[in-house]
Amino acid sequence: MKLINFASILTSGIILLSSMQESGSTFKYTYQIKGNSYSPKDSVNLYYYKEKLIDKYEDLVFTLKEDYVGEFIKTNIHEFDFDKKCKAKYINGTILLIVGEGKGSLIEGKLRINSCDDSVIREKIYLLDIFK
């Protein structure tokens, strides 16, 4: 009886701790990138645009105070229009990139507020570099 009670308390504690980890303001902004089509080439291009978006976001935002980030992104959303095929929008804390007609795959993720955030946001797929 005591073992079952201890196990339920331990499980409840683990769930509580894991939910507290995400509740901070580490990831206030997100991104979504909608591809042109479902072709393999367009799917690989999504990760190219993802890297460019994260790099541009970090260049623009990491020097700002957190209170100004949202307004700054709204005002400078054109900075994320990387080429003629890519159109950027800012909707409720999300940077949305539409590549081409935007009828393909979708990738999404979270953006850090500053360079000191400890959570990993880039997961590099090295196999995709072969096909570039």
Protein backbone atom coordinates (compact mmCIF):
# COMPACT_ATOMS: atom_id res chain seq x y z
CA MET A 1 0.00 0.00 0.00
CA LYS A 2 2.80 2.41 0.92
CA LEU A 3 4.69 1.51 -2.27
CA ILE A 4 1.69 2.38 -4.48
CA ASN A 5 1.16 5.67 -2.64
CA PHE A 6 4.85 6.57 -2.98
CA ALA A 7 4.79 5.74 -6.71
CA SER A 8 1.76 7.96 -7.31
CA ILE A 9 3.35 10.86 -5.38
CA LEU A 10 6.60 10.42 -7.31
CA THR A 11 4.75 10.35 -10.64
CA SER A 12 2.76 13.46 -9.71
CA GLY A 13 5.96 15.26 -8.76
CA ILE A 14 7.66 14.39 -12.05
CA ILE A 15 4.65 15.60 -14.05
CA LEU A 16 4.55 18.83 -12.06
CA LEU A 17 8.27 19.49 -12.55
CA SER A 18 8.12 18.81 -16.29
CA SER A 19 5.19 21.17 -16.75
CA MET A 20 6.97 23.93 -14.82
CA GLN A 21 9.94 23.78 -17.17
CA GLU A 22 7.97 25.07 -20.19
CA SER A 23 5.91 27.62 -18.30
CA GLY A 24 8.66 30.26 -18.34
CA SER A 25 9.04 32.93 -20.98
CA THR A 26 11.95 31.16 -22.69
CA PHE A 27 9.93 30.60 -25.86
CA LYS A 28 7.53 33.48 -26.37
CA TYR A 29 7.84 33.56 -30.17
CA THR A 30 7.45 30.79 -32.73
CA TYR A 31 7.90 30.26 -36.44
CA GLN A 32 6.09 28.33 -39.15
CA ILE A 33 7.41 27.73 -42.64
CA LYS A 34 4.98 26.51 -45.29
CA GLY A 35 6.62 24.93 -48.34
CA ASN A 36 5.72 25.38 -51.97
CA SER A 37 4.88 21.69 -52.56
CA TYR A 38 5.48 18.23 -51.13
CA SER A 39 8.39 17.47 -53.47
CA PRO A 40 11.67 16.32 -51.91
CA LYS A 41 13.46 19.41 -53.22
CA ASP A 42 10.91 21.75 -51.63
CA SER A 43 11.08 19.79 -48.38
CA VAL A 44 14.85 20.29 -48.25
CA ASN A 45 14.36 24.01 -49.00
CA LEU A 46 12.21 24.31 -45.87
CA TYR A 47 15.27 23.64 -43.72
CA TYR A 48 17.29 26.16 -45.70
CA TYR A 49 14.65 28.81 -44.93
CA LYS A 50 14.49 27.65 -41.31
CA GLU A 51 18.21 28.31 -40.84
CA LYS A 52 17.95 31.70 -42.53
CA LEU A 53 14.93 32.66 -40.39
CA ILE A 54 16.63 31.70 -37.13
CA ASP A 55 19.84 33.50 -38.10
CA LYS A 56 17.97 36.68 -39.07
CA TYR A 57 15.80 36.53 -35.93
CA GLU A 58 18.85 36.19 -33.69
CA ASP A 59 20.66 39.03 -35.47
CA LEU A 60 17.70 41.36 -35.08
CA VAL A 61 16.26 40.42 -31.69
CA PHE A 62 19.02 39.37 -29.31
CA THR A 63 20.13 42.97 -28.74
CA LEU A 64 16.62 44.18 -27.81
CA LYS A 65 14.82 44.24 -24.50
CA GLU A 66 12.10 41.60 -24.33
CA ASP A 67 9.34 44.24 -24.13
CA TYR A 68 10.20 45.58 -27.60
CA VAL A 69 10.63 42.34 -29.54
CA GLY A 70 7.05 41.86 -30.75
CA GLU A 71 6.66 45.40 -32.04
CA PHE A 72 10.11 45.29 -33.62
CA ILE A 73 9.28 42.10 -35.53
CA LYS A 74 5.95 43.57 -36.74
CA THR A 75 7.70 46.70 -37.98
CA ASN A 76 10.56 44.83 -39.64
CA ILE A 77 8.80 41.71 -40.94
CA HIS A 78 10.09 42.53 -44.43
CA GLU A 79 13.56 41.52 -43.18
CA PHE A 80 12.34 37.90 -43.37
CA ASP A 81 11.43 38.13 -47.09
CA PHE A 82 14.61 36.34 -48.13
CA ASP A 83 13.91 36.15 -51.84
CA LYS A 84 11.14 36.52 -54.43
CA LYS A 85 9.72 33.07 -53.58
CA CYS A 86 9.38 33.79 -49.85
CA LYS A 87 6.75 36.01 -48.17
CA ALA A 88 6.84 36.69 -44.42
CA LYS A 89 3.94 37.56 -42.10
CA TYR A 90 3.73 38.12 -38.35
CA ILE A 91 0.63 36.74 -36.63
CA ASN A 92 0.17 36.61 -32.83
CA GLY A 93 3.80 35.98 -31.92
CA THR A 94 4.47 33.70 -34.88
CA ILE A 95 6.67 34.49 -37.86
CA LEU A 96 5.05 32.76 -40.83
CA LEU A 97 7.08 32.19 -44.00
CA ILE A 98 5.18 31.13 -47.08
CA VAL A 99 7.43 29.74 -49.78
CA GLY A 100 5.98 29.85 -53.29
CA GLU A 101 2.29 28.94 -53.26
CA GLY A 102 2.46 27.55 -49.72
CA LYS A 103 0.77 24.26 -50.62
CA GLY A 104 3.46 21.97 -49.23
CA SER A 105 4.87 20.72 -45.96
CA LEU A 106 4.88 22.76 -42.77
CA ILE A 107 7.67 22.96 -40.24
CA GLU A 108 7.39 24.92 -37.02
CA GLY A 109 9.38 25.64 -33.94
CA LYS A 110 10.10 27.98 -31.08
CA LEU A 111 12.44 30.96 -31.05
CA ARG A 112 14.60 31.99 -28.11
CA ILE A 113 14.31 35.42 -26.54
CA ASN A 114 18.04 35.79 -25.90
CA SER A 115 21.29 33.95 -26.41
CA CYS A 116 21.41 32.76 -22.79
CA ASP A 117 18.37 30.50 -23.12
CA ASP A 118 19.57 26.98 -22.51
CA SER A 119 17.12 24.99 -24.61
CA VAL A 120 18.21 23.75 -28.02
CA ILE A 121 16.22 25.15 -30.95
CA ARG A 122 18.31 23.97 -33.88
CA GLU A 123 18.36 20.34 -34.80
CA LYS A 124 20.64 20.08 -37.79
CA ILE A 125 19.95 17.30 -40.26
CA TYR A 126 23.34 16.77 -41.89
CA LEU A 127 22.00 14.30 -44.43
CA LEU A 128 20.08 17.16 -46.08
CA ASP A 129 23.36 19.00 -46.77
CA ILE A 130 24.28 16.25 -49.21
CA PHE A 131 21.35 17.13 -51.47
CA LYS A 132 21.99 20.88 -51.66
